[in-house]
């Protein structure tokens, strides 16, 4: 075999290996994991999380968002 012919076979093998590897990676990503329960208590779920602090108010003012009343 000539070097050109050997090089073409090498490229084909490389593409074949890459295709098989991509298929295996996609199959591995499709395996579902078990669901986990959240670890927040009812009090944590109901508490207020958003606070309009001074730097948030400044951001709204600078970007011309309407002021909250």
PDB file of N, CA and C in Angstrom:
ATOM      1  N   UNK A   1       0.832  -1.186   0.000  1.00  0.00           N
ATOM      2  CA  UNK A   1       0.000   0.000   0.000  1.00  0.00           C
ATOM      3  C   UNK A   1       0.871   1.241   0.000  1.00  0.00           C
ATOM      4  N   UNK A   2       0.378   2.275  -0.640  1.00  0.00           N
ATOM      5  CA  UNK A   2       1.140   3.512  -0.667  1.00  0.00           C
ATOM      6  C   UNK A   2       0.827   4.337   0.565  1.00  0.00           C
ATOM      7  N   UNK A   3       1.640   5.347   0.794  1.00  0.00           N
ATOM      8  CA  UNK A   3       1.416   6.199   1.967  1.00  0.00           C
ATOM      9  C   UNK A   3       0.094   6.954   1.868  1.00  0.00           C
ATOM     10  N   UNK A   4      -0.267   7.375   0.646  1.00  0.00           N
ATOM     11  CA  UNK A   4      -1.534   8.080   0.467  1.00  0.00           C
ATOM     12  C   UNK A   4      -2.703   7.179   0.847  1.00  0.00           C
ATOM     13  N   UNK A   5      -2.666   5.954   0.414  1.00  0.00           N
ATOM     14  CA  UNK A   5      -3.748   5.019   0.692  1.00  0.00           C
ATOM     15  C   UNK A   5      -3.822   4.738   2.195  1.00  0.00           C
ATOM     16  N   UNK A   6      -2.684   4.588   2.846  1.00  0.00           N
ATOM     17  CA  UNK A   6      -2.674   4.339   4.281  1.00  0.00           C
ATOM     18  C   UNK A   6      -3.202   5.549   5.048  1.00  0.00           C
ATOM     19  N   UNK A   7      -2.885   6.745   4.598  1.00  0.00           N
ATOM     20  CA  UNK A   7      -3.336   7.948   5.274  1.00  0.00           C
ATOM     21  C   UNK A   7      -4.855   8.084   5.162  1.00  0.00           C
ATOM     22  N   UNK A   8      -5.430   7.741   3.994  1.00  0.00           N
ATOM     23  CA  UNK A   8      -6.878   7.822   3.827  1.00  0.00           C
ATOM     24  C   UNK A   8      -7.584   6.855   4.758  1.00  0.00           C
ATOM     25  N   UNK A   9      -7.031   5.658   4.899  1.00  0.00           N
ATOM     26  CA  UNK A   9      -7.636   4.697   5.809  1.00  0.00           C
ATOM     27  C   UNK A   9      -7.540   5.199   7.249  1.00  0.00           C
ATOM     28  N   UNK A  10      -6.460   5.850   7.578  1.00  0.00           N
ATOM     29  CA  UNK A  10      -6.303   6.389   8.923  1.00  0.00           C
ATOM     30  C   UNK A  10      -7.343   7.458   9.235  1.00  0.00           C
ATOM     31  N   UNK A  11      -7.630   8.315   8.260  1.00  0.00           N
ATOM     32  CA  UNK A  11      -8.637   9.348   8.462  1.00  0.00           C
ATOM     33  C   UNK A  11     -10.018   8.732   8.620  1.00  0.00           C
ATOM     34  N   UNK A  12     -10.293   7.714   7.809  1.00  0.00           N
ATOM     35  CA  UNK A  12     -11.592   7.053   7.907  1.00  0.00           C
ATOM     36  C   UNK A  12     -11.756   6.404   9.273  1.00  0.00           C
ATOM     37  N   UNK A  13     -10.724   5.777   9.741  1.00  0.00           N
ATOM     38  CA  UNK A  13     -10.785   5.144  11.056  1.00  0.00           C
ATOM     39  C   UNK A  13     -10.993   6.203  12.148  1.00  0.00           C
ATOM     40  N   UNK A  14     -10.323   7.320  12.007  1.00  0.00           N
ATOM     41  CA  UNK A  14     -10.475   8.390  12.978  1.00  0.00           C
ATOM     42  C   UNK A  14     -11.921   8.870  13.024  1.00  0.00           C
ATOM     43  N   UNK A  15     -12.519   9.100  11.861  1.00  0.00           N
ATOM     44  CA  UNK A  15     -13.907   9.546  11.816  1.00  0.00           C
ATOM     45  C   UNK A  15     -14.844   8.482  12.379  1.00  0.00           C
ATOM     46  N   UNK A  16     -14.568   7.233  12.108  1.00  0.00           N
ATOM     47  CA  UNK A  16     -15.398   6.156  12.628  1.00  0.00           C
ATOM     48  C   UNK A  16     -15.322   6.118  14.156  1.00  0.00           C
ATOM     49  N   UNK A  17     -14.130   6.268  14.694  1.00  0.00           N
ATOM     50  CA  UNK A  17     -13.948   6.255  16.151  1.00  0.00           C
ATOM     51  C   UNK A  17     -14.642   7.470  16.780  1.00  0.00           C
ATOM     52  N   UNK A  18     -14.519   8.627  16.152  1.00  0.00           N
ATOM     53  CA  UNK A  18     -15.190   9.819  16.671  1.00  0.00           C
ATOM     54  C   UNK A  18     -16.711   9.656  16.655  1.00  0.00           C
ATOM     55  N   UNK A  19     -17.234   9.038  15.599  1.00  0.00           N
ATOM     56  CA  UNK A  19     -18.674   8.810  15.517  1.00  0.00           C
ATOM     57  C   UNK A  19     -19.158   7.866  16.593  1.00  0.00           C
ATOM     58  N   UNK A  20     -18.421   6.808  16.839  1.00  0.00           N
ATOM     59  CA  UNK A  20     -18.798   5.853  17.878  1.00  0.00           C
ATOM     60  C   UNK A  20     -18.692   6.518  19.248  1.00  0.00           C
ATOM     61  N   UNK A  21     -17.677   7.307  19.464  1.00  0.00           N
ATOM     62  CA  UNK A  21     -17.508   8.000  20.745  1.00  0.00           C
ATOM     63  C   UNK A  21     -18.623   8.991  21.001  1.00  0.00           C
ATOM     64  N   UNK A  22     -19.056   9.709  19.966  1.00  0.00           N
ATOM     65  CA  UNK A  22     -20.148  10.666  20.132  1.00  0.00           C
ATOM     66  C   UNK A  22     -21.450   9.942  20.450  1.00  0.00           C
ATOM     67  N   UNK A  23     -21.673   8.810  19.802  1.00  0.00           N
ATOM     68  CA  UNK A  23     -22.871   8.022  20.086  1.00  0.00           C
ATOM     69  C   UNK A  23     -22.871   7.494  21.507  1.00  0.00           C
ATOM     70  N   UNK A  24     -21.727   7.046  21.974  1.00  0.00           N
ATOM     71  CA  UNK A  24     -21.624   6.533  23.344  1.00  0.00           C
ATOM     72  C   UNK A  24     -21.828   7.659  24.363  1.00  0.00           C
ATOM     73  N   UNK A  25     -21.323   8.835  24.060  1.00  0.00           N
ATOM     74  CA  UNK A  25     -21.494   9.964  24.970  1.00  0.00           C
ATOM     75  C   UNK A  25     -22.960  10.379  25.044  1.00  0.00           C
ATOM     76  N   UNK A  26     -23.643  10.366  23.910  1.00  0.00           N
ATOM     77  CA  UNK A  26     -25.066  10.725  23.905  1.00  0.00           C
ATOM     78  C   UNK A  26     -25.881   9.683  24.664  1.00  0.00           C
ATOM     79  N   UNK A  27     -25.529   8.423  24.528  1.00  0.00           N
ATOM     80  CA  UNK A  27     -26.247   7.365  25.239  1.00  0.00           C
ATOM     81  C   UNK A  27     -26.008   7.474  26.743  1.00  0.00           C
ATOM     82  N   UNK A  28     -24.817   7.829  27.138  1.00  0.00           N
ATOM     83  CA  UNK A  28     -24.505   7.991  28.559  1.00  0.00           C
ATOM     84  C   UNK A  28     -25.231   9.166  29.179  1.00  0.00           C
ATOM     85  N   UNK A  29     -25.457  10.218  28.402  1.00  0.00           N
ATOM     86  CA  UNK A  29     -26.140  11.398  28.919  1.00  0.00           C
ATOM     87  C   UNK A  29     -27.635  11.157  29.057  1.00  0.00           C
ATOM     88  N   UNK A  30     -28.168  10.167  28.347  1.00  0.00           N
ATOM     89  CA  UNK A  30     -29.606   9.920  28.372  1.00  0.00           C
ATOM     90  C   UNK A  30     -30.038   9.061  29.558  1.00  0.00           C
ATOM     91  N   UNK A  31     -29.104   8.546  30.329  1.00  0.00           N
ATOM     92  CA  UNK A  31     -29.453   7.707  31.466  1.00  0.00           C
ATOM     93  C   UNK A  31     -30.043   8.591  32.566  1.00  0.00           C
ATOM     94  N   UNK A  32     -31.287   8.325  32.975  1.00  0.00           N
ATOM     95  CA  UNK A  32     -31.910   9.180  33.997  1.00  0.00           C
ATOM     96  C   UNK A  32     -31.324   8.918  35.379  1.00  0.00           C
ATOM     97  N   UNK A  33     -31.308   9.949  36.172  1.00  0.00           N
ATOM     98  CA  UNK A  33     -30.845   9.816  37.551  1.00  0.00           C
ATOM     99  C   UNK A  33     -32.052   9.843  38.472  1.00  0.00           C
ATOM    100  N   UNK A  34     -31.885   9.377  39.650  1.00  0.00           N
ATOM    101  CA  UNK A  34     -33.007   9.353  40.581  1.00  0.00           C
ATOM    102  C   UNK A  34     -33.306  10.771  41.068  1.00  0.00           C
ATOM    103  N   UNK A  35     -34.566  11.028  41.336  1.00  0.00           N
ATOM    104  CA  UNK A  35     -34.987  12.351  41.793  1.00  0.00           C
ATOM    105  C   UNK A  35     -34.627  12.525  43.264  1.00  0.00           C
ATOM    106  N   UNK A  36     -34.234  13.740  43.615  1.00  0.00           N
ATOM    107  CA  UNK A  36     -33.904  14.040  45.006  1.00  0.00           C
ATOM    108  C   UNK A  36     -34.895  15.043  45.548  1.00  0.00           C
ATOM    109  N   UNK A  37     -35.260  14.883  46.780  1.00  0.00           N
ATOM    110  CA  UNK A  37     -36.176  15.822  47.426  1.00  0.00           C
ATOM    111  C   UNK A  37     -35.415  17.092  47.798  1.00  0.00           C
ATOM    112  N   UNK A  38     -36.131  18.210  47.782  1.00  0.00           N
ATOM    113  CA  UNK A  38     -35.477  19.451  48.183  1.00  0.00           C
ATOM    114  C   UNK A  38     -35.290  19.460  49.699  1.00  0.00           C
ATOM    115  N   UNK A  39     -34.338  20.241  50.151  1.00  0.00           N
ATOM    116  CA  UNK A  39     -34.002  20.244  51.569  1.00  0.00           C
ATOM    117  C   UNK A  39     -34.435  21.539  52.261  1.00  0.00           C
ATOM    118  N   UNK A  40     -35.374  22.271  51.667  1.00  0.00           N
ATOM    119  CA  UNK A  40     -35.869  23.490  52.280  1.00  0.00           C
ATOM    120  C   UNK A  40     -37.096  23.176  53.129  1.00  0.00           C
ATOM    121  N   UNK A  41     -37.180  23.832  54.257  1.00  0.00           N
ATOM    122  CA  UNK A  41     -38.370  23.680  55.090  1.00  0.00           C
ATOM    123  C   UNK A  41     -39.482  24.565  54.532  1.00  0.00           C
ATOM    124  N   UNK A  42     -40.692  24.404  55.037  1.00  0.00           N
ATOM    125  CA  UNK A  42     -41.802  25.235  54.565  1.00  0.00           C
ATOM    126  C   UNK A  42     -41.558  26.710  54.859  1.00  0.00           C
ATOM    127  N   UNK A  43     -40.944  26.988  55.986  1.00  0.00           N
ATOM    128  CA  UNK A  43     -40.637  28.379  56.330  1.00  0.00           C
ATOM    129  C   UNK A  43     -39.651  28.994  55.352  1.00  0.00           C
ATOM    130  N   UNK A  44     -38.648  28.216  54.938  1.00  0.00           N
ATOM    131  CA  UNK A  44     -37.667  28.708  53.970  1.00  0.00           C
ATOM    132  C   UNK A  44     -38.310  28.949  52.605  1.00  0.00           C
ATOM    133  N   UNK A  45     -39.256  28.108  52.231  1.00  0.00           N
ATOM    134  CA  UNK A  45     -39.906  28.256  50.931  1.00  0.00           C
ATOM    135  C   UNK A  45     -40.781  29.508  50.868  1.00  0.00           C
ATOM    136  N   UNK A  46     -41.339  29.912  51.999  1.00  0.00           N
ATOM    137  CA  UNK A  46     -42.287  31.023  52.022  1.00  0.00           C
ATOM    138  C   UNK A  46     -41.646  32.372  52.334  1.00  0.00           C
ATOM    139  N   UNK A  47     -40.391  32.392  52.758  1.00  0.00           N
ATOM    140  CA  UNK A  47     -39.783  33.669  53.136  1.00  0.00           C
ATOM    141  C   UNK A  47     -39.478  34.521  51.908  1.00  0.00           C
ATOM    142  N   UNK A  48     -39.460  35.807  52.115  1.00  0.00           N
ATOM    143  CA  UNK A  48     -39.170  36.739  51.032  1.00  0.00           C
ATOM    144  C   UNK A  48     -37.688  36.656  50.683  1.00  0.00           C
ATOM    145  N   UNK A  49     -37.393  36.563  49.423  1.00  0.00           N
ATOM    146  CA  UNK A  49     -35.999  36.438  48.981  1.00  0.00           C
ATOM    147  C   UNK A  49     -35.487  37.700  48.294  1.00  0.00           C
ATOM    148  N   UNK A  50     -36.368  38.459  47.717  1.00  0.00           N
ATOM    149  CA  UNK A  50     -35.953  39.654  46.992  1.00  0.00           C
ATOM    150  C   UNK A  50     -36.017  40.858  47.916  1.00  0.00           C
ATOM    151  N   UNK A  51     -34.929  41.593  47.949  1.00  0.00           N
ATOM    152  CA  UNK A  51     -34.883  42.816  48.741  1.00  0.00           C
ATOM    153  C   UNK A  51     -34.394  43.933  47.845  1.00  0.00           C
ATOM    154  N   UNK A  52     -35.087  45.025  47.876  1.00  0.00           N
ATOM    155  CA  UNK A  52     -34.696  46.171  47.070  1.00  0.00           C
ATOM    156  C   UNK A  52     -33.749  47.038  47.891  1.00  0.00           C
ATOM    157  N   UNK A  53     -32.465  46.738  47.795  1.00  0.00           N
ATOM    158  CA  UNK A  53     -31.452  47.450  48.563  1.00  0.00           C
ATOM    159  C   UNK A  53     -31.065  48.738  47.837  1.00  0.00           C
ATOM    160  N   UNK A  54     -30.185  49.503  48.462  1.00  0.00           N
ATOM    161  CA  UNK A  54     -29.774  50.787  47.878  1.00  0.00           C
ATOM    162  C   UNK A  54     -29.127  50.620  46.512  1.00  0.00           C
ATOM    163  N   UNK A  55     -28.277  49.616  46.351  1.00  0.00           N
ATOM    164  CA  UNK A  55     -27.610  49.474  45.053  1.00  0.00           C
ATOM    165  C   UNK A  55     -28.598  49.013  43.979  1.00  0.00           C
ATOM    166  N   UNK A  56     -29.637  48.272  44.350  1.00  0.00           N
ATOM    167  CA  UNK A  56     -30.668  47.887  43.390  1.00  0.00           C
ATOM    168  C   UNK A  56     -31.482  49.114  42.993  1.00  0.00           C
ATOM    169  N   UNK A  57     -31.812  49.952  43.950  1.00  0.00           N
ATOM    170  CA  UNK A  57     -32.546  51.181  43.652  1.00  0.00           C
ATOM    171  C   UNK A  57     -31.735  52.092  42.737  1.00  0.00           C
ATOM    172  N   UNK A  58     -30.431  52.171  42.985  1.00  0.00           N
ATOM    173  CA  UNK A  58     -29.562  52.978  42.120  1.00  0.00           C
ATOM    174  C   UNK A  58     -29.536  52.418  40.705  1.00  0.00           C
ATOM    175  N   UNK A  59     -29.470  51.110  40.568  1.00  0.00           N
ATOM    176  CA  UNK A  59     -29.487  50.471  39.250  1.00  0.00           C
ATOM    177  C   UNK A  59     -30.776  50.820  38.515  1.00  0.00           C
ATOM    178  N   UNK A  60     -31.915  50.720  39.198  1.00  0.00           N
ATOM    179  CA  UNK A  60     -33.194  51.063  38.581  1.00  0.00           C
ATOM    180  C   UNK A  60     -33.234  52.534  38.170  1.00  0.00           C
ATOM    181  N   UNK A  61     -32.727  53.400  39.035  1.00  0.00           N
ATOM    182  CA  UNK A  61     -32.752  54.833  38.745  1.00  0.00           C
ATOM    183  C   UNK A  61     -31.869  55.160  37.551  1.00  0.00           C
ATOM    184  N   UNK A  62     -30.666  54.592  37.501  1.00  0.00           N
ATOM    185  CA  UNK A  62     -29.724  54.880  36.429  1.00  0.00           C
ATOM    186  C   UNK A  62     -30.237  54.351  35.088  1.00  0.00           C
ATOM    187  N   UNK A  63     -30.898  53.212  35.104  1.00  0.00           N
ATOM    188  CA  UNK A  63     -31.392  52.602  33.868  1.00  0.00           C
ATOM    189  C   UNK A  63     -32.818  53.009  33.540  1.00  0.00           C
ATOM    190  N   UNK A  64     -33.338  53.986  34.281  1.00  0.00           N
ATOM    191  CA  UNK A  64     -34.641  54.599  34.038  1.00  0.00           C
ATOM    192  C   UNK A  64     -35.796  53.606  34.102  1.00  0.00           C
ATOM    193  N   UNK A  65     -35.739  52.679  35.061  1.00  0.00           N
ATOM    194  CA  UNK A  65     -36.875  51.802  35.314  1.00  0.00           C
ATOM    195  C   UNK A  65     -37.875  52.597  36.146  1.00  0.00           C
ATOM    196  N   UNK A  66     -39.153  52.337  35.988  1.00  0.00           N
ATOM    197  CA  UNK A  66     -40.139  53.078  36.801  1.00  0.00           C
ATOM    198  C   UNK A  66     -39.962  52.739  38.285  1.00  0.00           C
ATOM    199  N   UNK A  67     -40.117  53.760  39.088  1.00  0.00           N
ATOM    200  CA  UNK A  67     -39.945  53.580  40.538  1.00  0.00           C
ATOM    201  C   UNK A  67     -41.114  52.789  41.096  1.00  0.00           C
ATOM    202  N   UNK A  68     -40.799  51.907  42.053  1.00  0.00           N
ATOM    203  CA  UNK A  68     -41.857  51.171  42.739  1.00  0.00           C
ATOM    204  C   UNK A  68     -42.461  52.061  43.806  1.00  0.00           C
ATOM    205  N   UNK A  69     -43.745  51.963  43.989  1.00  0.00           N
ATOM    206  CA  UNK A  69     -44.384  52.758  45.033  1.00  0.00           C
ATOM    207  C   UNK A  69     -44.826  51.892  46.165  1.00  0.00           C
TER     208      UNK A  69
END
